[in-house]
C-alpha cells in the first residue's frame, strides 16, 4: 500500500467527497482532508490509501481530473514514500 497525496482540492471538499470520487478505483483503507487547526476548514489537500497496488495505480490515473470543476493533483506522498506489507 502507498499513501497518495491529493492537492489542489476545492476548499469545500470533505472526506466523504474524496471517498466518493475515488471509490471506483478500489477498496479505500483510509482517506482524509487536512484541516486548519484554528478554523477547522479544509486546507485544499488530503491523503488516500488503497488496499492494493492496482487500486493505487487507478487512483494515480485521476491526476488532473476535475473534482467539482477543479483539476486535482494526485501523486505518491513523497514524505511517506514507502511500501507497507499487509498481514
PDB file of N, CA and C in Angstrom:
ATOM      1  N   UNK A   1       0.852  -1.192   0.000  1.00  0.00           N
ATOM      2  CA  UNK A   1       0.000   0.000   0.000  1.00  0.00           C
ATOM      3  C   UNK A   1       0.887   1.242   0.000  1.00  0.00           C
ATOM      4  N   UNK A   2       0.475   2.224  -0.750  1.00  0.00           N
ATOM      5  CA  UNK A   2       1.172   3.502  -0.757  1.00  0.00           C
ATOM      6  C   UNK A   2       0.161   4.605  -0.492  1.00  0.00           C
ATOM      7  N   UNK A   3       0.610   5.557   0.282  1.00  0.00           N
ATOM      8  CA  UNK A   3      -0.238   6.710   0.571  1.00  0.00           C
ATOM      9  C   UNK A   3      -0.118   7.701  -0.576  1.00  0.00           C
ATOM     10  N   UNK A   4      -1.261   8.170  -1.054  1.00  0.00           N
ATOM     11  CA  UNK A   4      -1.286   9.168  -2.105  1.00  0.00           C
ATOM     12  C   UNK A   4      -1.646  10.523  -1.530  1.00  0.00           C
ATOM     13  N   UNK A   5      -1.012  11.539  -2.038  1.00  0.00           N
ATOM     14  CA  UNK A   5      -1.305  12.921  -1.645  1.00  0.00           C
ATOM     15  C   UNK A   5      -2.158  13.540  -2.738  1.00  0.00           C
ATOM     16  N   UNK A   6      -3.233  14.183  -2.334  1.00  0.00           N
ATOM     17  CA  UNK A   6      -4.136  14.853  -3.273  1.00  0.00           C
ATOM     18  C   UNK A   6      -4.063  16.343  -2.970  1.00  0.00           C
ATOM     19  N   UNK A   7      -3.698  17.135  -3.972  1.00  0.00           N
ATOM     20  CA  UNK A   7      -3.593  18.578  -3.778  1.00  0.00           C
ATOM     21  C   UNK A   7      -4.498  19.311  -4.753  1.00  0.00           C
ATOM     22  N   UNK A   8      -4.626  20.594  -4.523  1.00  0.00           N
ATOM     23  CA  UNK A   8      -5.475  21.480  -5.316  1.00  0.00           C
ATOM     24  C   UNK A   8      -6.954  21.115  -5.171  1.00  0.00           C
ATOM     25  N   UNK A   9      -7.315  20.635  -3.988  1.00  0.00           N
ATOM     26  CA  UNK A   9      -8.716  20.309  -3.714  1.00  0.00           C
ATOM     27  C   UNK A   9      -9.515  21.588  -3.493  1.00  0.00           C
ATOM     28  N   UNK A  10     -10.748  21.621  -3.991  1.00  0.00           N
ATOM     29  CA  UNK A  10     -11.604  22.763  -3.666  1.00  0.00           C
ATOM     30  C   UNK A  10     -11.740  22.868  -2.142  1.00  0.00           C
ATOM     31  N   UNK A  11     -11.800  24.060  -1.617  1.00  0.00           N
ATOM     32  CA  UNK A  11     -11.808  24.287  -0.174  1.00  0.00           C
ATOM     33  C   UNK A  11     -13.064  23.792   0.529  1.00  0.00           C
ATOM     34  N   UNK A  12     -14.090  23.414  -0.208  1.00  0.00           N
ATOM     35  CA  UNK A  12     -15.330  22.928   0.411  1.00  0.00           C
ATOM     36  C   UNK A  12     -15.407  21.401   0.416  1.00  0.00           C
ATOM     37  N   UNK A  13     -14.384  20.727  -0.101  1.00  0.00           N
ATOM     38  CA  UNK A  13     -14.401  19.274  -0.218  1.00  0.00           C
ATOM     39  C   UNK A  13     -14.139  18.622   1.135  1.00  0.00           C
ATOM     40  N   UNK A  14     -14.910  17.576   1.425  1.00  0.00           N
ATOM     41  CA  UNK A  14     -14.751  16.838   2.678  1.00  0.00           C
ATOM     42  C   UNK A  14     -14.223  15.434   2.395  1.00  0.00           C
ATOM     43  N   UNK A  15     -13.954  14.700   3.452  1.00  0.00           N
ATOM     44  CA  UNK A  15     -13.503  13.315   3.341  1.00  0.00           C
ATOM     45  C   UNK A  15     -14.529  12.468   2.581  1.00  0.00           C
ATOM     46  N   UNK A  16     -15.793  12.733   2.793  1.00  0.00           N
ATOM     47  CA  UNK A  16     -16.856  11.992   2.102  1.00  0.00           C
ATOM     48  C   UNK A  16     -16.747  12.196   0.591  1.00  0.00           C
ATOM     49  N   UNK A  17     -16.500  13.440   0.152  1.00  0.00           N
ATOM     50  CA  UNK A  17     -16.332  13.724  -1.277  1.00  0.00           C
ATOM     51  C   UNK A  17     -15.140  12.954  -1.859  1.00  0.00           C
ATOM     52  N   UNK A  18     -14.048  12.922  -1.106  1.00  0.00           N
ATOM     53  CA  UNK A  18     -12.848  12.218  -1.559  1.00  0.00           C
ATOM     54  C   UNK A  18     -13.150  10.735  -1.738  1.00  0.00           C
ATOM     55  N   UNK A  19     -13.811  10.147  -0.760  1.00  0.00           N
ATOM     56  CA  UNK A  19     -14.143   8.720  -0.847  1.00  0.00           C
ATOM     57  C   UNK A  19     -15.073   8.437  -2.022  1.00  0.00           C
ATOM     58  N   UNK A  20     -16.045   9.282  -2.246  1.00  0.00           N
ATOM     59  CA  UNK A  20     -16.958   9.088  -3.372  1.00  0.00           C
ATOM     60  C   UNK A  20     -16.226   9.211  -4.704  1.00  0.00           C
ATOM     61  N   UNK A  21     -15.345  10.191  -4.808  1.00  0.00           N
ATOM     62  CA  UNK A  21     -14.621  10.441  -6.052  1.00  0.00           C
ATOM     63  C   UNK A  21     -13.694   9.270  -6.403  1.00  0.00           C
ATOM     64  N   UNK A  22     -13.024   8.694  -5.400  1.00  0.00           N
ATOM     65  CA  UNK A  22     -12.046   7.633  -5.634  1.00  0.00           C
ATOM     66  C   UNK A  22     -12.612   6.227  -5.436  1.00  0.00           C
ATOM     67  N   UNK A  23     -13.876   6.104  -5.097  1.00  0.00           N
ATOM     68  CA  UNK A  23     -14.481   4.809  -4.828  1.00  0.00           C
ATOM     69  C   UNK A  23     -14.343   3.841  -6.002  1.00  0.00           C
ATOM     70  N   UNK A  24     -14.425   4.340  -7.222  1.00  0.00           N
ATOM     71  CA  UNK A  24     -14.339   3.486  -8.403  1.00  0.00           C
ATOM     72  C   UNK A  24     -12.945   2.887  -8.602  1.00  0.00           C
ATOM     73  N   UNK A  25     -11.942   3.395  -7.900  1.00  0.00           N
ATOM     74  CA  UNK A  25     -10.570   2.897  -8.053  1.00  0.00           C
ATOM     75  C   UNK A  25     -10.341   1.589  -7.314  1.00  0.00           C
ATOM     76  N   UNK A  26     -11.084   1.368  -6.235  1.00  0.00           N
ATOM     77  CA  UNK A  26     -10.902   0.155  -5.439  1.00  0.00           C
ATOM     78  C   UNK A  26     -11.165   0.415  -3.976  1.00  0.00           C
ATOM     79  N   UNK A  27     -10.823  -0.581  -3.155  1.00  0.00           N
ATOM     80  CA  UNK A  27     -11.089  -0.505  -1.715  1.00  0.00           C
ATOM     81  C   UNK A  27     -10.190   0.544  -1.053  1.00  0.00           C
ATOM     82  N   UNK A  28     -10.826   1.504  -0.411  1.00  0.00           N
ATOM     83  CA  UNK A  28     -10.123   2.577   0.290  1.00  0.00           C
ATOM     84  C   UNK A  28      -9.886   2.153   1.736  1.00  0.00           C
ATOM     85  N   UNK A  29      -8.635   2.213   2.165  1.00  0.00           N
ATOM     86  CA  UNK A  29      -8.272   1.878   3.536  1.00  0.00           C
ATOM     87  C   UNK A  29      -8.410   3.104   4.434  1.00  0.00           C
ATOM     88  N   UNK A  30      -7.967   4.247   3.925  1.00  0.00           N
ATOM     89  CA  UNK A  30      -8.003   5.484   4.697  1.00  0.00           C
ATOM     90  C   UNK A  30      -8.059   6.669   3.753  1.00  0.00           C
ATOM     91  N   UNK A  31      -8.821   7.681   4.137  1.00  0.00           N
ATOM     92  CA  UNK A  31      -8.878   8.930   3.373  1.00  0.00           C
ATOM     93  C   UNK A  31      -9.100  10.077   4.345  1.00  0.00           C
ATOM     94  N   UNK A  32      -8.428  11.168   4.095  1.00  0.00           N
ATOM     95  CA  UNK A  32      -8.668  12.342   4.925  1.00  0.00           C
ATOM     96  C   UNK A  32      -8.335  13.624   4.180  1.00  0.00           C
ATOM     97  N   UNK A  33      -8.966  14.688   4.604  1.00  0.00           N
ATOM     98  CA  UNK A  33      -8.704  16.037   4.106  1.00  0.00           C
ATOM     99  C   UNK A  33      -8.088  16.792   5.278  1.00  0.00           C
ATOM    100  N   UNK A  34      -6.941  17.395   5.034  1.00  0.00           N
ATOM    101  CA  UNK A  34      -6.266  18.148   6.098  1.00  0.00           C
ATOM    102  C   UNK A  34      -7.054  19.418   6.420  1.00  0.00           C
ATOM    103  N   UNK A  35      -7.167  19.702   7.716  1.00  0.00           N
ATOM    104  CA  UNK A  35      -7.921  20.867   8.186  1.00  0.00           C
ATOM    105  C   UNK A  35      -7.012  21.866   8.880  1.00  0.00           C
ATOM    106  N   UNK A  36      -7.356  23.135   8.779  1.00  0.00           N
ATOM    107  CA  UNK A  36      -6.674  24.178   9.532  1.00  0.00           C
ATOM    108  C   UNK A  36      -6.979  23.952  11.017  1.00  0.00           C
ATOM    109  N   UNK A  37      -5.965  23.959  11.844  1.00  0.00           N
ATOM    110  CA  UNK A  37      -6.152  23.666  13.268  1.00  0.00           C
ATOM    111  C   UNK A  37      -6.981  24.724  13.994  1.00  0.00           C
ATOM    112  N   UNK A  38      -6.969  25.944  13.509  1.00  0.00           N
ATOM    113  CA  UNK A  38      -7.722  27.018  14.171  1.00  0.00           C
ATOM    114  C   UNK A  38      -9.161  27.123  13.684  1.00  0.00           C
ATOM    115  N   UNK A  39      -9.349  27.040  12.370  1.00  0.00           N
ATOM    116  CA  UNK A  39     -10.685  27.259  11.818  1.00  0.00           C
ATOM    117  C   UNK A  39     -11.429  25.966  11.505  1.00  0.00           C
ATOM    118  N   UNK A  40     -10.678  24.851  11.451  1.00  0.00           N
ATOM    119  CA  UNK A  40     -11.225  23.539  11.070  1.00  0.00           C
ATOM    120  C   UNK A  40     -11.779  23.523   9.648  1.00  0.00           C
ATOM    121  N   UNK A  41     -11.302  24.422   8.816  1.00  0.00           N
ATOM    122  CA  UNK A  41     -11.677  24.449   7.405  1.00  0.00           C
ATOM    123  C   UNK A  41     -10.638  23.663   6.601  1.00  0.00           C
ATOM    124  N   UNK A  42     -11.074  23.031   5.510  1.00  0.00           N
ATOM    125  CA  UNK A  42     -10.134  22.281   4.666  1.00  0.00           C
ATOM    126  C   UNK A  42      -9.021  23.169   4.122  1.00  0.00           C
ATOM    127  N   UNK A  43      -7.804  22.609   4.052  1.00  0.00           N
ATOM    128  CA  UNK A  43      -6.635  23.344   3.564  1.00  0.00           C
ATOM    129  C   UNK A  43      -6.410  23.174   2.068  1.00  0.00           C
ATOM    130  N   UNK A  44      -7.185  22.310   1.422  1.00  0.00           N
ATOM    131  CA  UNK A  44      -7.027  22.132  -0.011  1.00  0.00           C
ATOM    132  C   UNK A  44      -6.156  20.948  -0.389  1.00  0.00           C
ATOM    133  N   UNK A  45      -5.832  20.101   0.591  1.00  0.00           N
ATOM    134  CA  UNK A  45      -5.089  18.885   0.284  1.00  0.00           C
ATOM    135  C   UNK A  45      -5.479  17.781   1.254  1.00  0.00           C
ATOM    136  N   UNK A  46      -5.172  16.553   0.852  1.00  0.00           N
ATOM    137  CA  UNK A  46      -5.510  15.412   1.684  1.00  0.00           C
ATOM    138  C   UNK A  46      -4.722  14.187   1.261  1.00  0.00           C
ATOM    139  N   UNK A  47      -5.096  13.047   1.836  1.00  0.00           N
ATOM    140  CA  UNK A  47      -4.383  11.801   1.591  1.00  0.00           C
ATOM    141  C   UNK A  47      -5.380  10.665   1.420  1.00  0.00           C
ATOM    142  N   UNK A  48      -4.973   9.649   0.655  1.00  0.00           N
ATOM    143  CA  UNK A  48      -5.805   8.474   0.481  1.00  0.00           C
ATOM    144  C   UNK A  48      -4.892   7.255   0.337  1.00  0.00           C
ATOM    145  N   UNK A  49      -5.331   6.144   0.932  1.00  0.00           N
ATOM    146  CA  UNK A  49      -4.595   4.887   0.850  1.00  0.00           C
ATOM    147  C   UNK A  49      -5.568   3.800   0.414  1.00  0.00           C
ATOM    148  N   UNK A  50      -5.129   2.960  -0.517  1.00  0.00           N
ATOM    149  CA  UNK A  50      -5.944   1.862  -1.029  1.00  0.00           C
ATOM    150  C   UNK A  50      -5.406   0.530  -0.533  1.00  0.00           C
ATOM    151  N   UNK A  51      -6.242  -0.489  -0.624  1.00  0.00           N
ATOM    152  CA  UNK A  51      -5.890  -1.815  -0.119  1.00  0.00           C
ATOM    153  C   UNK A  51      -4.878  -2.541  -1.005  1.00  0.00           C
ATOM    154  N   UNK A  52      -4.768  -2.167  -2.281  1.00  0.00           N
ATOM    155  CA  UNK A  52      -3.849  -2.881  -3.169  1.00  0.00           C
ATOM    156  C   UNK A  52      -3.231  -1.917  -4.188  1.00  0.00           C
ATOM    157  N   UNK A  53      -2.158  -2.395  -4.796  1.00  0.00           N
ATOM    158  CA  UNK A  53      -1.409  -1.567  -5.748  1.00  0.00           C
ATOM    159  C   UNK A  53      -2.207  -1.229  -7.004  1.00  0.00           C
ATOM    160  N   UNK A  54      -3.051  -2.168  -7.467  1.00  0.00           N
ATOM    161  CA  UNK A  54      -3.842  -1.905  -8.669  1.00  0.00           C
ATOM    162  C   UNK A  54      -4.791  -0.730  -8.443  1.00  0.00           C
ATOM    163  N   UNK A  55      -5.387  -0.656  -7.259  1.00  0.00           N
ATOM    164  CA  UNK A  55      -6.281   0.455  -6.924  1.00  0.00           C
ATOM    165  C   UNK A  55      -5.509   1.763  -6.871  1.00  0.00           C
ATOM    166  N   UNK A  56      -4.314   1.696  -6.307  1.00  0.00           N
ATOM    167  CA  UNK A  56      -3.454   2.881  -6.225  1.00  0.00           C
ATOM    168  C   UNK A  56      -3.127   3.390  -7.627  1.00  0.00           C
ATOM    169  N   UNK A  57      -2.801   2.483  -8.542  1.00  0.00           N
ATOM    170  CA  UNK A  57      -2.485   2.869  -9.921  1.00  0.00           C
ATOM    171  C   UNK A  57      -3.690   3.524 -10.593  1.00  0.00           C
ATOM    172  N   UNK A  58      -4.885   2.980 -10.354  1.00  0.00           N
ATOM    173  CA  UNK A  58      -6.093   3.584 -10.941  1.00  0.00           C
ATOM    174  C   UNK A  58      -6.311   4.988 -10.381  1.00  0.00           C
ATOM    175  N   UNK A  59      -6.037   5.177  -9.102  1.00  0.00           N
ATOM    176  CA  UNK A  59      -6.188   6.496  -8.486  1.00  0.00           C
ATOM    177  C   UNK A  59      -5.181   7.487  -9.069  1.00  0.00           C
ATOM    178  N   UNK A  60      -3.965   7.045  -9.307  1.00  0.00           N
ATOM    179  CA  UNK A  60      -2.950   7.924  -9.894  1.00  0.00           C
ATOM    180  C   UNK A  60      -3.360   8.396 -11.287  1.00  0.00           C
ATOM    181  N   UNK A  61      -4.156   7.599 -11.987  1.00  0.00           N
ATOM    182  CA  UNK A  61      -4.642   7.990 -13.313  1.00  0.00           C
ATOM    183  C   UNK A  61      -5.635   9.151 -13.236  1.00  0.00           C
ATOM    184  N   UNK A  62      -6.128   9.450 -12.037  1.00  0.00           N
ATOM    185  CA  UNK A  62      -7.064  10.569 -11.869  1.00  0.00           C
ATOM    186  C   UNK A  62      -6.331  11.910 -11.702  1.00  0.00           C
ATOM    187  N   UNK A  63      -5.011  11.878 -11.781  1.00  0.00           N
ATOM    188  CA  UNK A  63      -4.253  13.119 -11.722  1.00  0.00           C
ATOM    189  C   UNK A  63      -4.719  14.040 -12.848  1.00  0.00           C
ATOM    190  N   UNK A  64      -5.110  15.245 -12.523  1.00  0.00           N
ATOM    191  CA  UNK A  64      -5.601  16.204 -13.499  1.00  0.00           C
ATOM    192  C   UNK A  64      -7.100  16.129 -13.729  1.00  0.00           C
ATOM    193  N   UNK A  65      -7.763  15.145 -13.131  1.00  0.00           N
ATOM    194  CA  UNK A  65      -9.218  15.020 -13.284  1.00  0.00           C
ATOM    195  C   UNK A  65      -9.911  16.164 -12.550  1.00  0.00           C
ATOM    196  N   UNK A  66     -11.123  16.473 -12.988  1.00  0.00           N
ATOM    197  CA  UNK A  66     -11.895  17.546 -12.366  1.00  0.00           C
ATOM    198  C   UNK A  66     -12.731  17.025 -11.207  1.00  0.00           C
ATOM    199  N   UNK A  67     -12.599  17.662 -10.071  1.00  0.00           N
ATOM    200  CA  UNK A  67     -13.421  17.391  -8.896  1.00  0.00           C
ATOM    201  C   UNK A  67     -14.154  18.681  -8.572  1.00  0.00           C
ATOM    202  N   UNK A  68     -15.439  18.675  -8.771  1.00  0.00           N
ATOM    203  CA  UNK A  68     -16.252  19.889  -8.613  1.00  0.00           C
ATOM    204  C   UNK A  68     -15.682  21.054  -9.415  1.00  0.00           C
ATOM    205  N   UNK A  69     -15.243  20.759 -10.644  1.00  0.00           N
ATOM    206  CA  UNK A  69     -14.765  21.796 -11.546  1.00  0.00           C
ATOM    207  C   UNK A  69     -13.322  22.223 -11.365  1.00  0.00           C
ATOM    208  N   UNK A  70     -12.592  21.583 -10.472  1.00  0.00           N
ATOM    209  CA  UNK A  70     -11.202  21.941 -10.209  1.00  0.00           C
ATOM    210  C   UNK A  70     -10.305  20.752 -10.545  1.00  0.00           C
ATOM    211  N   UNK A  71      -9.241  20.986 -11.318  1.00  0.00           N
ATOM    212  CA  UNK A  71      -8.295  19.921 -11.659  1.00  0.00           C
ATOM    213  C   UNK A  71      -7.435  19.600 -10.439  1.00  0.00           C
ATOM    214  N   UNK A  72      -7.523  18.355  -9.975  1.00  0.00           N
ATOM    215  CA  UNK A  72      -6.770  17.956  -8.787  1.00  0.00           C
ATOM    216  C   UNK A  72      -5.452  17.298  -9.178  1.00  0.00           C
ATOM    217  N   UNK A  73      -4.520  17.277  -8.245  1.00  0.00           N
ATOM    218  CA  UNK A  73      -3.228  16.617  -8.423  1.00  0.00           C
ATOM    219  C   UNK A  73      -3.199  15.395  -7.515  1.00  0.00           C
ATOM    220  N   UNK A  74      -2.842  14.253  -8.085  1.00  0.00           N
ATOM    221  CA  UNK A  74      -2.740  13.010  -7.325  1.00  0.00           C
ATOM    222  C   UNK A  74      -1.342  12.457  -7.540  1.00  0.00           C
ATOM    223  N   UNK A  75      -0.627  12.213  -6.446  1.00  0.00           N
ATOM    224  CA  UNK A  75       0.734  11.697  -6.567  1.00  0.00           C
ATOM    225  C   UNK A  75       1.088  10.880  -5.333  1.00  0.00           C
ATOM    226  N   UNK A  76       2.097  10.047  -5.459  1.00  0.00           N
ATOM    227  CA  UNK A  76       2.580   9.287  -4.309  1.00  0.00           C
ATOM    228  C   UNK A  76       3.142  10.275  -3.309  1.00  0.00           C
ATOM    229  N   UNK A  77       2.781  10.089  -2.039  1.00  0.00           N
ATOM    230  CA  UNK A  77       3.224  11.014  -0.993  1.00  0.00           C
ATOM    231  C   UNK A  77       4.733  10.888  -0.804  1.00  0.00           C
ATOM    232  N   UNK A  78       5.468  11.914  -1.166  1.00  0.00           N
ATOM    233  CA  UNK A  78       6.938  11.903  -1.084  1.00  0.00           C
ATOM    234  C   UNK A  78       7.433  11.857   0.353  1.00  0.00           C
ATOM    235  N   UNK A  79       6.630  12.364   1.303  1.00  0.00           N
ATOM    236  CA  UNK A  79       7.052  12.358   2.706  1.00  0.00           C
ATOM    237  C   UNK A  79       7.012  10.957   3.295  1.00  0.00           C
ATOM    238  N   UNK A  80       6.127  10.130   2.761  1.00  0.00           N
ATOM    239  CA  UNK A  80       5.975   8.757   3.270  1.00  0.00           C
ATOM    240  C   UNK A  80       5.975   7.815   2.069  1.00  0.00           C
ATOM    241  N   UNK A  81       7.008   7.856   1.267  1.00  0.00           N
ATOM    242  CA  UNK A  81       7.080   7.032   0.062  1.00  0.00           C
ATOM    243  C   UNK A  81       7.681   5.681   0.405  1.00  0.00           C
ATOM    244  N   UNK A  82       6.915   4.861   1.113  1.00  0.00           N
ATOM    245  CA  UNK A  82       7.366   3.531   1.474  1.00  0.00           C
ATOM    246  C   UNK A  82       6.225   2.563   1.260  1.00  0.00           C
ATOM    247  N   UNK A  83       6.557   1.322   1.044  1.00  0.00           N
ATOM    248  CA  UNK A  83       5.542   0.292   0.867  1.00  0.00           C
ATOM    249  C   UNK A  83       5.348  -0.421   2.186  1.00  0.00           C
ATOM    250  N   UNK A  84       4.095  -0.625   2.550  1.00  0.00           N
ATOM    251  CA  UNK A  84       3.771  -1.297   3.802  1.00  0.00           C
ATOM    252  C   UNK A  84       3.120  -2.626   3.468  1.00  0.00           C
ATOM    253  N   UNK A  85       3.641  -3.707   4.052  1.00  0.00           N
ATOM    254  CA  UNK A  85       3.056  -5.026   3.839  1.00  0.00           C
ATOM    255  C   UNK A  85       1.870  -5.211   4.772  1.00  0.00           C
ATOM    256  N   UNK A  86       0.786  -5.749   4.213  1.00  0.00           N
ATOM    257  CA  UNK A  86      -0.412  -6.024   4.998  1.00  0.00           C
ATOM    258  C   UNK A  86      -0.414  -7.475   5.381  1.00  0.00           C
ATOM    259  N   UNK A  87      -0.629  -7.747   6.652  1.00  0.00           N
ATOM    260  CA  UNK A  87      -0.642  -9.128   7.140  1.00  0.00           C
ATOM    261  C   UNK A  87      -2.047  -9.660   7.100  1.00  0.00           C
TER     262      UNK A  87
END
